[in-house]
Amino acid sequence: MSTATAPVRSLRAGTVLADLIPASRARDIALVVGGAALTGLAAQLSVPVPGSPVPVSGQTFAALLVGTALGARRGFLALALYAVAGMAGVPWFAQATSGYGMPSFGYILGMLLASTVVGALARRGADRSVLRTAGAMVLGSAIIYAVGVPYLALATGMTFGQAVAAGLTPFLIGDALKAALAMGALPAAWKLVGRKG
C-alpha cells in the first residue's frame, strides 16, 4: 500500500478513532486500561443532587466517549474493567465510592451496555457528523437510564415514578450539555485527522 492511500484507508467506515493508532496487543490493553481510568477520573467530577442518591458526574459522558472512541469490544472491556475494579474496592465510582450495594450501581451496568452500543454505532460512522453523534449520545444515555432507573427503584424501594423523579429528571439538562460537547468534539476530531492525512 502506498503512503498516499494510507490516510484514506484509515478513515474508511468501520474505523473508530482508536484504530488510527498502530495496531498491537499492547495498544489494545493500554486503551482498555486508559478508558477505565478516564471513566474513574471523570466520575470524581460529581455533585450531589438534593433528594437523590445519584449524583451528577462526568462518568456517563466518559463512558459514552470511551465506547465511541474505542469501539464496541474495547469499550465494553474498558467499562467492564471499571465496574469490576470498583466492585473489588477501587474507590473510583462517583464521589470516590466502590462496591455494588449502592443504589446508583445500575447506572454503571447501564454504562457498560451503552458503551458497547455506541461503540458499535461508531464503527458505522455515527461519530463523524453532528447529527449522528447526537443520535448515538441520546441512545447511549437512554440505555444508561433504562438500566439505572429500575435498579434505583429496586435498590431503594421507590416507586418507578419516584425513581424517574430522583434518577432521571434532574440529569436531563446535564446530559443535553454532554451530548452537545460530544457533537462538537467527535466530528471535529475526525475532520482534524482527515486534514492531517
C-alpha atoms as a PDB file:
ATOM      1  CA  MET A   1       0.000   0.000   0.000  1.00  0.00           C
ATOM      2  CA  SER A   2       1.385   3.398  -0.880  1.00  0.00           C
ATOM      3  CA  THR A   3       1.704   6.129   1.711  1.00  0.00           C
ATOM      4  CA  ALA A   4      -0.615   8.273  -0.393  1.00  0.00           C
ATOM      5  CA  THR A   5      -3.526   5.880   0.148  1.00  0.00           C
ATOM      6  CA  ALA A   6      -2.857   5.023   3.824  1.00  0.00           C
ATOM      7  CA  PRO A   7      -4.701   8.015   5.362  1.00  0.00           C
ATOM      8  CA  VAL A   8      -7.729   7.484   3.123  1.00  0.00           C
ATOM      9  CA  ARG A   9      -7.974   3.805   4.055  1.00  0.00           C
ATOM     10  CA  SER A  10      -7.580   4.577   7.780  1.00  0.00           C
ATOM     11  CA  LEU A  11     -10.659   6.827   7.646  1.00  0.00           C
ATOM     12  CA  ARG A  12     -12.926   4.268   5.969  1.00  0.00           C
ATOM     13  CA  ALA A  13     -16.183   3.131   7.515  1.00  0.00           C
ATOM     14  CA  GLY A  14     -15.688   0.544  10.213  1.00  0.00           C
ATOM     15  CA  THR A  15     -12.862   2.536  11.783  1.00  0.00           C
ATOM     16  CA  VAL A  16     -13.069   4.219  15.173  1.00  0.00           C
ATOM     17  CA  LEU A  17     -10.670   6.859  16.435  1.00  0.00           C
ATOM     18  CA  ALA A  18      -8.619   4.332  18.425  1.00  0.00           C
ATOM     19  CA  ASP A  19      -7.951   2.354  15.239  1.00  0.00           C
ATOM     20  CA  LEU A  20      -5.811   5.231  13.975  1.00  0.00           C
ATOM     21  CA  ILE A  21      -3.126   4.196  16.494  1.00  0.00           C
ATOM     22  CA  PRO A  22      -0.938   1.405  15.053  1.00  0.00           C
ATOM     23  CA  ALA A  23      -2.438  -1.962  15.998  1.00  0.00           C
ATOM     24  CA  SER A  24      -0.893  -4.154  18.679  1.00  0.00           C
ATOM     25  CA  ARG A  25      -1.985  -6.093  21.739  1.00  0.00           C
ATOM     26  CA  ALA A  26      -0.171  -3.516  23.898  1.00  0.00           C
ATOM     27  CA  ARG A  27      -2.217  -0.745  22.241  1.00  0.00           C
ATOM     28  CA  ASP A  28      -5.483  -2.518  22.977  1.00  0.00           C
ATOM     29  CA  ILE A  29      -4.527  -3.164  26.611  1.00  0.00           C
ATOM     30  CA  ALA A  30      -3.444   0.451  27.066  1.00  0.00           C
ATOM     31  CA  LEU A  31      -6.681   1.712  25.504  1.00  0.00           C
ATOM     32  CA  VAL A  32      -8.850  -0.502  27.721  1.00  0.00           C
ATOM     33  CA  VAL A  33      -6.984   0.447  30.899  1.00  0.00           C
ATOM     34  CA  GLY A  34      -6.942   4.098  29.833  1.00  0.00           C
ATOM     35  CA  GLY A  35     -10.683   4.045  29.114  1.00  0.00           C
ATOM     36  CA  ALA A  36     -11.402   2.599  32.556  1.00  0.00           C
ATOM     37  CA  ALA A  37      -9.101   5.159  34.202  1.00  0.00           C
ATOM     38  CA  LEU A  38     -10.683   8.052  32.280  1.00  0.00           C
ATOM     39  CA  THR A  39     -14.122   6.937  33.421  1.00  0.00           C
ATOM     40  CA  GLY A  40     -12.900   6.670  37.019  1.00  0.00           C
ATOM     41  CA  LEU A  41     -11.350  10.144  36.891  1.00  0.00           C
ATOM     42  CA  ALA A  42     -14.438  11.662  35.287  1.00  0.00           C
ATOM     43  CA  ALA A  43     -16.594  10.071  37.986  1.00  0.00           C
ATOM     44  CA  GLN A  44     -14.816  12.222  40.560  1.00  0.00           C
ATOM     45  CA  LEU A  45     -16.309  15.301  38.899  1.00  0.00           C
ATOM     46  CA  SER A  46     -19.528  14.829  40.803  1.00  0.00           C
ATOM     47  CA  VAL A  47     -22.087  16.999  42.522  1.00  0.00           C
ATOM     48  CA  PRO A  48     -24.748  15.633  44.898  1.00  0.00           C
ATOM     49  CA  VAL A  49     -28.364  16.140  43.801  1.00  0.00           C
ATOM     50  CA  PRO A  50     -30.687  17.116  46.663  1.00  0.00           C
ATOM     51  CA  GLY A  51     -33.252  14.383  47.252  1.00  0.00           C
ATOM     52  CA  SER A  52     -31.459  11.832  45.060  1.00  0.00           C
ATOM     53  CA  PRO A  53     -28.926   9.120  45.917  1.00  0.00           C
ATOM     54  CA  VAL A  54     -27.483   9.596  42.410  1.00  0.00           C
ATOM     55  CA  PRO A  55     -25.009  12.458  41.896  1.00  0.00           C
ATOM     56  CA  VAL A  56     -24.394  14.374  38.694  1.00  0.00           C
ATOM     57  CA  SER A  57     -21.000  13.174  37.478  1.00  0.00           C
ATOM     58  CA  GLY A  58     -18.747  13.026  34.464  1.00  0.00           C
ATOM     59  CA  GLN A  59     -18.681   9.230  34.343  1.00  0.00           C
ATOM     60  CA  THR A  60     -21.645   8.864  31.984  1.00  0.00           C
ATOM     61  CA  PHE A  61     -20.044  11.229  29.466  1.00  0.00           C
ATOM     62  CA  ALA A  62     -16.710   9.410  29.810  1.00  0.00           C
ATOM     63  CA  ALA A  63     -18.357   6.014  29.337  1.00  0.00           C
ATOM     64  CA  LEU A  64     -20.042   7.142  26.117  1.00  0.00           C
ATOM     65  CA  LEU A  65     -16.879   8.832  24.874  1.00  0.00           C
ATOM     66  CA  VAL A  66     -14.811   5.711  25.641  1.00  0.00           C
ATOM     67  CA  GLY A  67     -17.257   3.471  23.790  1.00  0.00           C
ATOM     68  CA  THR A  68     -17.379   5.783  20.795  1.00  0.00           C
ATOM     69  CA  ALA A  69     -13.619   6.285  20.556  1.00  0.00           C
ATOM     70  CA  LEU A  70     -12.602   2.675  21.256  1.00  0.00           C
ATOM     71  CA  GLY A  71     -15.360   0.730  19.511  1.00  0.00           C
ATOM     72  CA  ALA A  72     -17.737  -1.858  20.950  1.00  0.00           C
ATOM     73  CA  ARG A  73     -15.279  -4.547  22.069  1.00  0.00           C
ATOM     74  CA  ARG A  74     -12.674  -2.312  23.687  1.00  0.00           C
ATOM     75  CA  GLY A  75     -15.389  -0.005  25.041  1.00  0.00           C
ATOM     76  CA  PHE A  76     -17.097  -2.976  26.691  1.00  0.00           C
ATOM     77  CA  LEU A  77     -13.799  -4.206  28.145  1.00  0.00           C
ATOM     78  CA  ALA A  78     -12.886  -0.739  29.465  1.00  0.00           C
ATOM     79  CA  LEU A  79     -16.231  -0.333  31.229  1.00  0.00           C
ATOM     80  CA  ALA A  80     -16.134  -3.939  32.462  1.00  0.00           C
ATOM     81  CA  LEU A  81     -12.713  -3.248  33.989  1.00  0.00           C
ATOM     82  CA  TYR A  82     -14.074  -0.045  35.536  1.00  0.00           C
ATOM     83  CA  ALA A  83     -17.072  -1.904  37.010  1.00  0.00           C
ATOM     84  CA  VAL A  84     -15.146  -4.961  38.258  1.00  0.00           C
ATOM     85  CA  ALA A  85     -12.333  -2.901  39.808  1.00  0.00           C
ATOM     86  CA  GLY A  86     -14.890  -0.652  41.501  1.00  0.00           C
ATOM     87  CA  MET A  87     -16.798  -3.652  42.836  1.00  0.00           C
ATOM     88  CA  ALA A  88     -13.500  -5.049  44.141  1.00  0.00           C
ATOM     89  CA  GLY A  89     -12.857  -1.877  46.145  1.00  0.00           C
ATOM     90  CA  VAL A  90     -11.117   0.661  43.886  1.00  0.00           C
ATOM     91  CA  PRO A  91     -12.773   3.928  45.005  1.00  0.00           C
ATOM     92  CA  TRP A  92     -13.337   5.362  41.549  1.00  0.00           C
ATOM     93  CA  PHE A  93     -17.107   5.357  41.262  1.00  0.00           C
ATOM     94  CA  ALA A  94     -18.787   8.757  41.709  1.00  0.00           C
ATOM     95  CA  GLN A  95     -17.808  10.511  44.944  1.00  0.00           C
ATOM     96  CA  ALA A  96     -14.878   8.107  45.466  1.00  0.00           C
ATOM     97  CA  THR A  97     -17.148   5.171  46.291  1.00  0.00           C
ATOM     98  CA  SER A  98     -16.792   1.500  45.442  1.00  0.00           C
ATOM     99  CA  GLY A  99     -18.796  -1.716  45.756  1.00  0.00           C
ATOM    100  CA  TYR A 100     -22.045  -2.861  44.227  1.00  0.00           C
ATOM    101  CA  GLY A 101     -24.508  -2.264  47.056  1.00  0.00           C
ATOM    102  CA  MET A 102     -25.149   1.396  46.263  1.00  0.00           C
ATOM    103  CA  PRO A 103     -28.445   2.442  44.665  1.00  0.00           C
ATOM    104  CA  SER A 104     -26.647   4.008  41.694  1.00  0.00           C
ATOM    105  CA  PHE A 105     -24.835   0.812  40.668  1.00  0.00           C
ATOM    106  CA  GLY A 106     -27.445   0.172  37.975  1.00  0.00           C
ATOM    107  CA  TYR A 107     -26.166   3.214  36.097  1.00  0.00           C
ATOM    108  CA  ILE A 108     -22.714   1.638  35.957  1.00  0.00           C
ATOM    109  CA  LEU A 109     -24.244  -1.524  34.483  1.00  0.00           C
ATOM    110  CA  GLY A 110     -26.104   0.678  32.011  1.00  0.00           C
ATOM    111  CA  MET A 111     -22.847   2.416  31.063  1.00  0.00           C
ATOM    112  CA  LEU A 112     -21.311  -0.964  30.277  1.00  0.00           C
ATOM    113  CA  LEU A 113     -24.110  -1.737  27.829  1.00  0.00           C
ATOM    114  CA  ALA A 114     -24.256   1.821  26.445  1.00  0.00           C
ATOM    115  CA  SER A 115     -20.516   1.975  25.722  1.00  0.00           C
ATOM    116  CA  THR A 116     -20.857  -1.234  23.719  1.00  0.00           C
ATOM    117  CA  VAL A 117     -23.807   0.069  21.702  1.00  0.00           C
ATOM    118  CA  VAL A 118     -22.298   3.493  20.923  1.00  0.00           C
ATOM    119  CA  GLY A 119     -19.040   1.752  20.016  1.00  0.00           C
ATOM    120  CA  ALA A 120     -20.870  -0.422  17.507  1.00  0.00           C
ATOM    121  CA  LEU A 121     -22.592   2.674  16.111  1.00  0.00           C
ATOM    122  CA  ALA A 122     -19.258   4.493  15.840  1.00  0.00           C
ATOM    123  CA  ARG A 123     -17.976   1.643  13.652  1.00  0.00           C
ATOM    124  CA  ARG A 124     -20.853   2.527  11.346  1.00  0.00           C
ATOM    125  CA  GLY A 125     -19.840   6.206  11.257  1.00  0.00           C
ATOM    126  CA  ALA A 126     -22.127   7.552  13.985  1.00  0.00           C
ATOM    127  CA  ASP A 127     -19.336   9.759  15.379  1.00  0.00           C
ATOM    128  CA  ARG A 128     -18.496  11.546  12.131  1.00  0.00           C
ATOM    129  CA  SER A 129     -21.311  14.075  11.873  1.00  0.00           C
ATOM    130  CA  VAL A 130     -23.031  16.301  14.399  1.00  0.00           C
ATOM    131  CA  LEU A 131     -26.496  14.799  13.940  1.00  0.00           C
ATOM    132  CA  ARG A 132     -25.383  11.169  14.010  1.00  0.00           C
ATOM    133  CA  THR A 133     -23.224  11.825  17.066  1.00  0.00           C
ATOM    134  CA  ALA A 134     -26.235  13.412  18.770  1.00  0.00           C
ATOM    135  CA  GLY A 135     -28.312  10.328  17.978  1.00  0.00           C
ATOM    136  CA  ALA A 136     -25.655   7.983  19.364  1.00  0.00           C
ATOM    137  CA  MET A 137     -25.308  10.015  22.572  1.00  0.00           C
ATOM    138  CA  VAL A 138     -29.076  10.171  23.100  1.00  0.00           C
ATOM    139  CA  LEU A 139     -29.388   6.419  22.561  1.00  0.00           C
ATOM    140  CA  GLY A 140     -26.449   5.742  24.899  1.00  0.00           C
ATOM    141  CA  SER A 141     -27.962   7.936  27.614  1.00  0.00           C
ATOM    142  CA  ALA A 142     -31.340   6.238  27.186  1.00  0.00           C
ATOM    143  CA  ILE A 143     -29.701   2.836  27.684  1.00  0.00           C
ATOM    144  CA  ILE A 144     -27.993   4.030  30.866  1.00  0.00           C
ATOM    145  CA  TYR A 145     -31.317   5.237  32.271  1.00  0.00           C
ATOM    146  CA  ALA A 146     -33.183   2.137  31.088  1.00  0.00           C
ATOM    147  CA  VAL A 147     -30.950   0.063  33.379  1.00  0.00           C
ATOM    148  CA  GLY A 148     -30.177   2.618  36.100  1.00  0.00           C
ATOM    149  CA  VAL A 149     -33.671   3.879  36.933  1.00  0.00           C
ATOM    150  CA  PRO A 150     -35.327   0.460  37.503  1.00  0.00           C
ATOM    151  CA  TYR A 151     -32.252  -0.635  39.511  1.00  0.00           C
ATOM    152  CA  LEU A 152     -32.593   2.530  41.623  1.00  0.00           C
ATOM    153  CA  ALA A 153     -36.261   1.747  42.258  1.00  0.00           C
ATOM    154  CA  LEU A 154     -35.477  -1.833  43.300  1.00  0.00           C
ATOM    155  CA  ALA A 155     -32.486  -0.871  45.453  1.00  0.00           C
ATOM    156  CA  THR A 156     -34.297   1.883  47.357  1.00  0.00           C
ATOM    157  CA  GLY A 157     -37.909   0.685  47.398  1.00  0.00           C
ATOM    158  CA  MET A 158     -39.004   3.756  45.417  1.00  0.00           C
ATOM    159  CA  THR A 159     -41.913   3.526  43.036  1.00  0.00           C
ATOM    160  CA  PHE A 160     -40.923   3.732  39.386  1.00  0.00           C
ATOM    161  CA  GLY A 161     -42.266   7.302  39.243  1.00  0.00           C
ATOM    162  CA  GLN A 162     -40.187   8.301  42.265  1.00  0.00           C
ATOM    163  CA  ALA A 163     -37.109   6.712  40.701  1.00  0.00           C
ATOM    164  CA  VAL A 164     -37.690   8.671  37.489  1.00  0.00           C
ATOM    165  CA  ALA A 165     -38.049  11.888  39.507  1.00  0.00           C
ATOM    166  CA  ALA A 166     -34.869  11.181  41.513  1.00  0.00           C
ATOM    167  CA  GLY A 167     -32.746   9.358  38.962  1.00  0.00           C
ATOM    168  CA  LEU A 168     -33.662  10.735  35.533  1.00  0.00           C
ATOM    169  CA  THR A 169     -35.360  14.134  35.515  1.00  0.00           C
ATOM    170  CA  PRO A 170     -32.607  16.079  37.362  1.00  0.00           C
ATOM    171  CA  PHE A 171     -29.993  14.871  34.864  1.00  0.00           C
ATOM    172  CA  LEU A 172     -31.616  15.720  31.536  1.00  0.00           C
ATOM    173  CA  ILE A 173     -30.141  19.217  31.156  1.00  0.00           C
ATOM    174  CA  GLY A 174     -26.647  17.977  32.027  1.00  0.00           C
ATOM    175  CA  ASP A 175     -26.999  15.121  29.552  1.00  0.00           C
ATOM    176  CA  ALA A 176     -28.015  17.570  26.841  1.00  0.00           C
ATOM    177  CA  LEU A 177     -24.870  19.606  27.551  1.00  0.00           C
ATOM    178  CA  LYS A 178     -22.695  16.464  27.455  1.00  0.00           C
ATOM    179  CA  ALA A 179     -24.275  15.422  24.150  1.00  0.00           C
ATOM    180  CA  ALA A 180     -23.590  18.897  22.742  1.00  0.00           C
ATOM    181  CA  LEU A 181     -19.952  18.613  23.786  1.00  0.00           C
ATOM    182  CA  ALA A 182     -19.643  15.216  22.087  1.00  0.00           C
ATOM    183  CA  MET A 183     -21.443  16.555  18.997  1.00  0.00           C
ATOM    184  CA  GLY A 184     -18.696  19.123  18.626  1.00  0.00           C
ATOM    185  CA  ALA A 185     -15.678  17.099  19.730  1.00  0.00           C
ATOM    186  CA  LEU A 186     -16.038  13.792  17.877  1.00  0.00           C
ATOM    187  CA  PRO A 187     -16.787  15.059  14.350  1.00  0.00           C
ATOM    188  CA  ALA A 188     -14.091  17.723  14.851  1.00  0.00           C
ATOM    189  CA  ALA A 189     -11.570  15.029  15.755  1.00  0.00           C
ATOM    190  CA  TRP A 190     -12.369  13.164  12.517  1.00  0.00           C
ATOM    191  CA  LYS A 191     -12.015  16.369  10.491  1.00  0.00           C
ATOM    192  CA  LEU A 192      -8.667  17.084  12.123  1.00  0.00           C
ATOM    193  CA  VAL A 193      -7.436  13.558  11.395  1.00  0.00           C
ATOM    194  CA  GLY A 194      -8.624  13.875   7.798  1.00  0.00           C
ATOM    195  CA  ARG A 195      -6.692  17.131   7.346  1.00  0.00           C
ATOM    196  CA  LYS A 196      -3.526  15.643   8.797  1.00  0.00           C
ATOM    197  CA  GLY A 197      -3.884  12.666   6.471  1.00  0.00           C
END
